[in-house]
Full PDB file with SEQRES, HELIX, SHEET, SSBOND, CRYST1, ORIGX, SCALE, CONECT and MASTER records, all heavy atoms in Angstrom:
SEQRES   1 A   30  GLY GLY THR THR LYS TYR ALA ASP SER ILE LYS GLY ARG          
SEQRES   2 A   30  PHE THR ILE SER ARG ASP ASN ALA LYS ASN THR VAL TYR          
SEQRES   3 A   30  LEU GLN MET ASN                                              
SHEET    1 AA1 2 PHE A  14  ASP A  19  0                                        
SHEET    2 AA1 2 THR A  24  MET A  29 -1                                        
CRYST1    1.000    1.000    1.000  90.00  90.00  90.00 P 1           1          
ORIGX1      1.000000  0.000000  0.000000        0.00000                         
ORIGX2      0.000000  1.000000  0.000000        0.00000                         
ORIGX3      0.000000  0.000000  1.000000        0.00000                         
SCALE1      1.000000  0.000000  0.000000        0.00000                         
SCALE2      0.000000  1.000000  0.000000        0.00000                         
SCALE3      0.000000  0.000000  1.000000        0.00000                         
ATOM      1  N   GLY A   1      12.767  -7.782 -10.324  1.00  0.00           N  
ATOM      2  CA  GLY A   1      11.715  -7.742 -11.371  1.00  0.00           C  
ATOM      3  C   GLY A   1      11.064  -9.089 -11.619  1.00  0.00           C  
ATOM      4  O   GLY A   1      10.153  -9.125 -12.506  1.00  0.00           O  
ATOM      5  N   GLY A   2      11.489 -10.119 -10.962  1.00  0.00           N  
ATOM      6  CA  GLY A   2      10.964 -11.456 -11.252  1.00  0.00           C  
ATOM      7  C   GLY A   2       9.613 -11.786 -10.676  1.00  0.00           C  
ATOM      8  O   GLY A   2       8.997 -12.674 -11.106  1.00  0.00           O  
ATOM      9  N   THR A   3       9.171 -10.998  -9.667  1.00  0.00           N  
ATOM     10  CA  THR A   3       7.940 -11.292  -8.993  1.00  0.00           C  
ATOM     11  C   THR A   3       7.127 -10.006  -8.959  1.00  0.00           C  
ATOM     12  O   THR A   3       7.565  -8.968  -8.507  1.00  0.00           O  
ATOM     13  CB  THR A   3       8.163 -11.794  -7.580  1.00  0.00           C  
ATOM     14  OG1 THR A   3       8.971 -12.959  -7.598  1.00  0.00           O  
ATOM     15  CG2 THR A   3       6.818 -12.084  -6.883  1.00  0.00           C  
ATOM     16  N   THR A   4       5.875 -10.144  -9.426  1.00  0.00           N  
ATOM     17  CA  THR A   4       4.929  -9.021  -9.390  1.00  0.00           C  
ATOM     18  C   THR A   4       3.672  -9.428  -8.753  1.00  0.00           C  
ATOM     19  O   THR A   4       3.280 -10.598  -8.811  1.00  0.00           O  
ATOM     20  CB  THR A   4       4.668  -8.474 -10.832  1.00  0.00           C  
ATOM     21  OG1 THR A   4       4.178  -9.545 -11.588  1.00  0.00           O  
ATOM     22  CG2 THR A   4       5.892  -7.985 -11.449  1.00  0.00           C  
ATOM     23  N   LYS A   5       2.989  -8.479  -8.111  1.00  0.00           N  
ATOM     24  CA  LYS A   5       1.710  -8.763  -7.483  1.00  0.00           C  
ATOM     25  C   LYS A   5       0.788  -7.535  -7.781  1.00  0.00           C  
ATOM     26  O   LYS A   5       1.231  -6.425  -7.819  1.00  0.00           O  
ATOM     27  CB  LYS A   5       1.841  -8.952  -5.963  1.00  0.00           C  
ATOM     28  CG  LYS A   5       2.633 -10.201  -5.614  1.00  0.00           C  
ATOM     29  CD  LYS A   5       2.633 -10.421  -4.138  1.00  0.00           C  
ATOM     30  CE  LYS A   5       3.453 -11.654  -3.773  1.00  0.00           C  
ATOM     31  NZ  LYS A   5       2.902 -12.920  -4.409  1.00  0.00           N  
ATOM     32  N   TYR A   6      -0.504  -7.889  -7.941  1.00  0.00           N  
ATOM     33  CA  TYR A   6      -1.455  -6.846  -8.332  1.00  0.00           C  
ATOM     34  C   TYR A   6      -2.714  -6.949  -7.451  1.00  0.00           C  
ATOM     35  O   TYR A   6      -3.108  -8.031  -7.042  1.00  0.00           O  
ATOM     36  CB  TYR A   6      -1.867  -7.033  -9.770  1.00  0.00           C  
ATOM     37  CG  TYR A   6      -0.775  -6.877 -10.798  1.00  0.00           C  
ATOM     38  CD1 TYR A   6      -0.092  -7.977 -11.270  1.00  0.00           C  
ATOM     39  CD2 TYR A   6      -0.451  -5.607 -11.311  1.00  0.00           C  
ATOM     40  CE1 TYR A   6       0.950  -7.844 -12.184  1.00  0.00           C  
ATOM     41  CE2 TYR A   6       0.566  -5.462 -12.223  1.00  0.00           C  
ATOM     42  CZ  TYR A   6       1.282  -6.574 -12.665  1.00  0.00           C  
ATOM     43  OH  TYR A   6       2.229  -6.416 -13.569  1.00  0.00           O  
ATOM     44  N   ALA A   7      -3.291  -5.778  -7.281  1.00  0.00           N  
ATOM     45  CA  ALA A   7      -4.607  -5.755  -6.628  1.00  0.00           C  
ATOM     46  C   ALA A   7      -5.632  -6.367  -7.560  1.00  0.00           C  
ATOM     47  O   ALA A   7      -5.558  -6.214  -8.764  1.00  0.00           O  
ATOM     48  CB  ALA A   7      -5.017  -4.293  -6.272  1.00  0.00           C  
ATOM     49  N   ASP A   8      -6.589  -7.073  -6.975  1.00  0.00           N  
ATOM     50  CA  ASP A   8      -7.637  -7.707  -7.776  1.00  0.00           C  
ATOM     51  C   ASP A   8      -8.394  -6.709  -8.627  1.00  0.00           C  
ATOM     52  O   ASP A   8      -8.837  -7.039  -9.753  1.00  0.00           O  
ATOM     53  CB  ASP A   8      -8.644  -8.475  -6.873  1.00  0.00           C  
ATOM     54  CG  ASP A   8      -8.010  -9.691  -6.247  1.00  0.00           C  
ATOM     55  OD1 ASP A   8      -6.977 -10.192  -6.755  1.00  0.00           O  
ATOM     56  OD2 ASP A   8      -8.586 -10.220  -5.302  1.00  0.00           O  
ATOM     57  N   SER A   9      -8.542  -5.481  -8.141  1.00  0.00           N  
ATOM     58  CA  SER A   9      -9.341  -4.505  -8.843  1.00  0.00           C  
ATOM     59  C   SER A   9      -8.733  -4.047 -10.158  1.00  0.00           C  
ATOM     60  O   SER A   9      -9.388  -3.543 -11.027  1.00  0.00           O  
ATOM     61  CB  SER A   9      -9.574  -3.285  -7.934  1.00  0.00           C  
ATOM     62  OG  SER A   9      -8.335  -2.671  -7.584  1.00  0.00           O  
ATOM     63  N   ILE A  10      -7.389  -4.262 -10.321  1.00  0.00           N  
ATOM     64  CA  ILE A  10      -6.754  -3.777 -11.525  1.00  0.00           C  
ATOM     65  C   ILE A  10      -6.045  -4.907 -12.303  1.00  0.00           C  
ATOM     66  O   ILE A  10      -5.557  -4.640 -13.408  1.00  0.00           O  
ATOM     67  CB  ILE A  10      -5.714  -2.655 -11.215  1.00  0.00           C  
ATOM     68  CG1 ILE A  10      -4.700  -3.138 -10.234  1.00  0.00           C  
ATOM     69  CG2 ILE A  10      -6.415  -1.405 -10.683  1.00  0.00           C  
ATOM     70  CD1 ILE A  10      -3.491  -3.811 -10.818  1.00  0.00           C  
ATOM     71  N   LYS A  11      -6.080  -6.055 -11.793  1.00  0.00           N  
ATOM     72  CA  LYS A  11      -5.364  -7.185 -12.449  1.00  0.00           C  
ATOM     73  C   LYS A  11      -5.917  -7.391 -13.867  1.00  0.00           C  
ATOM     74  O   LYS A  11      -7.120  -7.486 -14.033  1.00  0.00           O  
ATOM     75  CB  LYS A  11      -5.423  -8.445 -11.580  1.00  0.00           C  
ATOM     76  CG  LYS A  11      -4.529  -9.542 -12.067  1.00  0.00           C  
ATOM     77  CD  LYS A  11      -4.503 -10.705 -11.106  1.00  0.00           C  
ATOM     78  CE  LYS A  11      -3.499 -11.790 -11.559  1.00  0.00           C  
ATOM     79  NZ  LYS A  11      -3.481 -12.918 -10.556  1.00  0.00           N  
ATOM     80  N   GLY A  12      -5.040  -7.532 -14.773  1.00  0.00           N  
ATOM     81  CA  GLY A  12      -5.414  -7.673 -16.173  1.00  0.00           C  
ATOM     82  C   GLY A  12      -5.522  -6.412 -16.960  1.00  0.00           C  
ATOM     83  O   GLY A  12      -5.569  -6.416 -18.146  1.00  0.00           O  
ATOM     84  N   ARG A  13      -5.485  -5.294 -16.218  1.00  0.00           N  
ATOM     85  CA  ARG A  13      -5.520  -3.951 -16.871  1.00  0.00           C  
ATOM     86  C   ARG A  13      -4.210  -3.213 -16.714  1.00  0.00           C  
ATOM     87  O   ARG A  13      -3.837  -2.400 -17.587  1.00  0.00           O  
ATOM     88  CB  ARG A  13      -6.669  -3.138 -16.285  1.00  0.00           C  
ATOM     89  CG  ARG A  13      -8.062  -3.766 -16.499  1.00  0.00           C  
ATOM     90  CD  ARG A  13      -9.155  -2.805 -16.090  1.00  0.00           C  
ATOM     91  NE  ARG A  13      -9.175  -2.541 -14.720  1.00  0.00           N  
ATOM     92  CZ  ARG A  13      -9.014  -1.329 -14.160  1.00  0.00           C  
ATOM     93  NH1 ARG A  13      -8.885  -0.249 -14.981  1.00  0.00           N  
ATOM     94  NH2 ARG A  13      -9.032  -1.127 -12.813  1.00  0.00           N  
ATOM     95  N   PHE A  14      -3.568  -3.336 -15.547  1.00  0.00           N  
ATOM     96  CA  PHE A  14      -2.329  -2.632 -15.229  1.00  0.00           C  
ATOM     97  C   PHE A  14      -1.144  -3.592 -15.291  1.00  0.00           C  
ATOM     98  O   PHE A  14      -1.255  -4.773 -14.976  1.00  0.00           O  
ATOM     99  CB  PHE A  14      -2.387  -1.962 -13.894  1.00  0.00           C  
ATOM    100  CG  PHE A  14      -3.375  -0.888 -13.700  1.00  0.00           C  
ATOM    101  CD1 PHE A  14      -4.294  -0.583 -14.710  1.00  0.00           C  
ATOM    102  CD2 PHE A  14      -3.409  -0.195 -12.509  1.00  0.00           C  
ATOM    103  CE1 PHE A  14      -5.226   0.439 -14.545  1.00  0.00           C  
ATOM    104  CE2 PHE A  14      -4.337   0.871 -12.320  1.00  0.00           C  
ATOM    105  CZ  PHE A  14      -5.268   1.125 -13.327  1.00  0.00           C  
ATOM    106  N   THR A  15       0.022  -3.055 -15.601  1.00  0.00           N  
ATOM    107  CA  THR A  15       1.240  -3.840 -15.598  1.00  0.00           C  
ATOM    108  C   THR A  15       2.376  -2.985 -15.006  1.00  0.00           C  
ATOM    109  O   THR A  15       2.611  -1.878 -15.401  1.00  0.00           O  
ATOM    110  CB  THR A  15       1.659  -4.234 -17.026  1.00  0.00           C  
ATOM    111  OG1 THR A  15       0.630  -4.995 -17.661  1.00  0.00           O  
ATOM    112  CG2 THR A  15       2.941  -5.078 -17.002  1.00  0.00           C  
ATOM    113  N   ILE A  16       3.032  -3.577 -13.985  1.00  0.00           N  
ATOM    114  CA  ILE A  16       4.179  -2.933 -13.406  1.00  0.00           C  
ATOM    115  C   ILE A  16       5.460  -3.546 -13.921  1.00  0.00           C  
ATOM    116  O   ILE A  16       5.536  -4.735 -14.222  1.00  0.00           O  
ATOM    117  CB  ILE A  16       4.160  -3.069 -11.855  1.00  0.00           C  
ATOM    118  CG1 ILE A  16       5.259  -2.210 -11.218  1.00  0.00           C  
ATOM    119  CG2 ILE A  16       4.288  -4.522 -11.420  1.00  0.00           C  
ATOM    120  CD1 ILE A  16       5.153  -2.115  -9.696  1.00  0.00           C  
ATOM    121  N   SER A  17       6.446  -2.717 -14.134  1.00  0.00           N  
ATOM    122  CA  SER A  17       7.717  -3.180 -14.673  1.00  0.00           C  
ATOM    123  C   SER A  17       8.818  -2.292 -14.104  1.00  0.00           C  
ATOM    124  O   SER A  17       8.517  -1.170 -13.599  1.00  0.00           O  
ATOM    125  CB  SER A  17       7.759  -3.182 -16.139  1.00  0.00           C  
ATOM    126  OG  SER A  17       7.600  -1.862 -16.720  1.00  0.00           O  
ATOM    127  N   ARG A  18      10.062  -2.698 -14.203  1.00  0.00           N  
ATOM    128  CA  ARG A  18      11.160  -1.857 -13.746  1.00  0.00           C  
ATOM    129  C   ARG A  18      12.356  -2.012 -14.700  1.00  0.00           C  
ATOM    130  O   ARG A  18      12.573  -3.083 -15.312  1.00  0.00           O  
ATOM    131  CB  ARG A  18      11.586  -2.212 -12.340  1.00  0.00           C  
ATOM    132  CG  ARG A  18      12.152  -3.572 -12.124  1.00  0.00           C  
ATOM    133  CD  ARG A  18      12.345  -3.881 -10.609  1.00  0.00           C  
ATOM    134  NE  ARG A  18      13.253  -2.998  -9.948  1.00  0.00           N  
ATOM    135  CZ  ARG A  18      13.337  -2.827  -8.667  1.00  0.00           C  
ATOM    136  NH1 ARG A  18      12.471  -3.486  -7.844  1.00  0.00           N  
ATOM    137  NH2 ARG A  18      14.238  -1.958  -8.114  1.00  0.00           N  
ATOM    138  N   ASP A  19      13.129  -0.978 -14.800  1.00  0.00           N  
ATOM    139  CA  ASP A  19      14.330  -0.993 -15.573  1.00  0.00           C  
ATOM    140  C   ASP A  19      15.449  -0.542 -14.615  1.00  0.00           C  
ATOM    141  O   ASP A  19      15.614   0.641 -14.351  1.00  0.00           O  
ATOM    142  CB  ASP A  19      14.252   0.000 -16.779  1.00  0.00           C  
ATOM    143  CG  ASP A  19      15.404  -0.078 -17.682  1.00  0.00           C  
ATOM    144  OD1 ASP A  19      16.505  -0.564 -17.264  1.00  0.00           O  
ATOM    145  OD2 ASP A  19      15.303   0.309 -18.832  1.00  0.00           O  
ATOM    146  N   ASN A  20      16.157  -1.515 -14.099  1.00  0.00           N  
ATOM    147  CA  ASN A  20      17.140  -1.227 -13.094  1.00  0.00           C  
ATOM    148  C   ASN A  20      18.335  -0.385 -13.657  1.00  0.00           C  
ATOM    149  O   ASN A  20      18.977   0.357 -12.926  1.00  0.00           O  
ATOM    150  CB  ASN A  20      17.716  -2.513 -12.478  1.00  0.00           C  
ATOM    151  CG  ASN A  20      16.733  -3.168 -11.558  1.00  0.00           C  
ATOM    152  OD1 ASN A  20      15.690  -2.597 -11.226  1.00  0.00           O  
ATOM    153  ND2 ASN A  20      16.975  -4.406 -11.125  1.00  0.00           N  
ATOM    154  N   ALA A  21      18.591  -0.559 -14.941  1.00  0.00           N  
ATOM    155  CA  ALA A  21      19.644   0.251 -15.540  1.00  0.00           C  
ATOM    156  C   ALA A  21      19.304   1.755 -15.584  1.00  0.00           C  
ATOM    157  O   ALA A  21      20.158   2.564 -15.561  1.00  0.00           O  
ATOM    158  CB  ALA A  21      19.932  -0.210 -17.000  1.00  0.00           C  
ATOM    159  N   LYS A  22      17.988   2.070 -15.603  1.00  0.00           N  
ATOM    160  CA  LYS A  22      17.523   3.434 -15.609  1.00  0.00           C  
ATOM    161  C   LYS A  22      17.001   3.881 -14.280  1.00  0.00           C  
ATOM    162  O   LYS A  22      16.528   5.010 -14.144  1.00  0.00           O  
ATOM    163  CB  LYS A  22      16.408   3.605 -16.689  1.00  0.00           C  
ATOM    164  CG  LYS A  22      16.925   3.375 -18.067  1.00  0.00           C  
ATOM    165  CD  LYS A  22      15.818   3.658 -19.078  1.00  0.00           C  
ATOM    166  CE  LYS A  22      16.307   3.456 -20.484  1.00  0.00           C  
ATOM    167  NZ  LYS A  22      15.216   3.667 -21.493  1.00  0.00           N  
ATOM    168  N   ASN A  23      17.039   3.022 -13.240  1.00  0.00           N  
ATOM    169  CA  ASN A  23      16.504   3.359 -11.922  1.00  0.00           C  
ATOM    170  C   ASN A  23      15.082   3.854 -11.972  1.00  0.00           C  
ATOM    171  O   ASN A  23      14.681   4.826 -11.328  1.00  0.00           O  
ATOM    172  CB  ASN A  23      17.395   4.412 -11.233  1.00  0.00           C  
ATOM    173  CG  ASN A  23      18.733   3.818 -10.765  1.00  0.00           C  
ATOM    174  OD1 ASN A  23      19.069   2.694 -11.058  1.00  0.00           O  
ATOM    175  ND2 ASN A  23      19.509   4.673 -10.145  1.00  0.00           N  
ATOM    176  N   THR A  24      14.276   3.152 -12.753  1.00  0.00           N  
ATOM    177  CA  THR A  24      12.925   3.602 -13.036  1.00  0.00           C  
ATOM    178  C   THR A  24      11.936   2.414 -12.920  1.00  0.00           C  
ATOM    179  O   THR A  24      12.249   1.347 -13.408  1.00  0.00           O  
ATOM    180  CB  THR A  24      12.838   4.233 -14.430  1.00  0.00           C  
ATOM    181  OG1 THR A  24      13.719   5.385 -14.496  1.00  0.00           O  
ATOM    182  CG2 THR A  24      11.388   4.754 -14.667  1.00  0.00           C  
ATOM    183  N   VAL A  25      10.792   2.689 -12.333  1.00  0.00           N  
ATOM    184  CA  VAL A  25       9.699   1.710 -12.313  1.00  0.00           C  
ATOM    185  C   VAL A  25       8.484   2.319 -13.041  1.00  0.00           C  
ATOM    186  O   VAL A  25       8.304   3.581 -12.995  1.00  0.00           O  
ATOM    187  CB  VAL A  25       9.320   1.370 -10.855  1.00  0.00           C  
ATOM    188  CG1 VAL A  25       8.820   2.544 -10.047  1.00  0.00           C  
ATOM    189  CG2 VAL A  25       8.304   0.220 -10.839  1.00  0.00           C  
ATOM    190  N   TYR A  26       7.739   1.508 -13.745  1.00  0.00           N  
ATOM    191  CA  TYR A  26       6.624   1.947 -14.517  1.00  0.00           C  
ATOM    192  C   TYR A  26       5.311   1.338 -14.145  1.00  0.00           C  
ATOM    193  O   TYR A  26       5.305   0.201 -13.599  1.00  0.00           O  
ATOM    194  CB  TYR A  26       6.917   1.640 -16.022  1.00  0.00           C  
ATOM    195  CG  TYR A  26       8.179   2.143 -16.575  1.00  0.00           C  
ATOM    196  CD1 TYR A  26       9.336   1.368 -16.563  1.00  0.00           C  
ATOM    197  CD2 TYR A  26       8.311   3.450 -17.044  1.00  0.00           C  
ATOM    198  CE1 TYR A  26      10.551   1.810 -17.098  1.00  0.00           C  
ATOM    199  CE2 TYR A  26       9.506   3.910 -17.579  1.00  0.00           C  
ATOM    200  CZ  TYR A  26      10.613   3.099 -17.550  1.00  0.00           C  
ATOM    201  OH  TYR A  26      11.847   3.573 -18.041  1.00  0.00           O  
ATOM    202  N   LEU A  27       4.270   1.994 -14.430  1.00  0.00           N  
ATOM    203  CA  LEU A  27       2.921   1.410 -14.302  1.00  0.00           C  
ATOM    204  C   LEU A  27       2.138   1.742 -15.566  1.00  0.00           C  
ATOM    205  O   LEU A  27       1.756   2.879 -15.766  1.00  0.00           O  
ATOM    206  CB  LEU A  27       2.226   1.955 -13.074  1.00  0.00           C  
ATOM    207  CG  LEU A  27       0.837   1.270 -12.813  1.00  0.00           C  
ATOM    208  CD1 LEU A  27       0.995  -0.192 -12.369  1.00  0.00           C  
ATOM    209  CD2 LEU A  27       0.088   2.039 -11.716  1.00  0.00           C  
ATOM    210  N   GLN A  28       1.961   0.728 -16.389  1.00  0.00           N  
ATOM    211  CA  GLN A  28       1.156   0.855 -17.587  1.00  0.00           C  
ATOM    212  C   GLN A  28      -0.272   0.593 -17.244  1.00  0.00           C  
ATOM    213  O   GLN A  28      -0.612  -0.466 -16.732  1.00  0.00           O  
ATOM    214  CB  GLN A  28       1.597  -0.111 -18.688  1.00  0.00           C  
ATOM    215  CG  GLN A  28       0.803   0.011 -19.930  1.00  0.00           C  
ATOM    216  CD  GLN A  28       0.952   1.282 -20.692  1.00  0.00           C  
ATOM    217  OE1 GLN A  28       2.088   1.755 -20.894  1.00  0.00           O  
ATOM    218  NE2 GLN A  28      -0.152   1.866 -21.076  1.00  0.00           N  
ATOM    219  N   MET A  29      -1.167   1.601 -17.439  1.00  0.00           N  
ATOM    220  CA  MET A  29      -2.581   1.491 -17.088  1.00  0.00           C  
ATOM    221  C   MET A  29      -3.402   1.511 -18.335  1.00  0.00           C  
ATOM    222  O   MET A  29      -3.389   2.522 -19.053  1.00  0.00           O  
ATOM    223  CB  MET A  29      -2.921   2.646 -16.134  1.00  0.00           C  
ATOM    224  CG  MET A  29      -2.068   2.687 -14.891  1.00  0.00           C  
ATOM    225  SD  MET A  29      -2.634   3.941 -13.701  1.00  0.00           S  
ATOM    226  CE  MET A  29      -2.320   5.446 -14.641  1.00  0.00           C  
ATOM    227  N   ASN A  30      -4.113   0.397 -18.574  1.00  0.00           N  
ATOM    228  CA  ASN A  30      -4.994   0.350 -19.718  1.00  0.00           C  
ATOM    229  C   ASN A  30      -6.434   0.163 -19.264  1.00  0.00           C  
ATOM    230  O   ASN A  30      -6.677  -0.240 -18.120  1.00  0.00           O  
ATOM    231  CB  ASN A  30      -4.600  -0.839 -20.617  1.00  0.00           C  
ATOM    232  CG  ASN A  30      -3.225  -0.693 -21.176  1.00  0.00           C  
ATOM    233  OD1 ASN A  30      -2.790   0.391 -21.484  1.00  0.00           O  
ATOM    234  ND2 ASN A  30      -2.503  -1.829 -21.301  1.00  0.00           N  
TER     235      ASN A  30                                                      
MASTER        0    0    0    0    2    0    0    6  234    1    0    3          
END                                                                             
């Protein structure tokens, strides 16, 4: 979870995160 990369088209609007304890990855889209 220490390194993230984004497409230029969505950078600043979307955020990716992960919760390894829950085996889940998220994409917050604003």
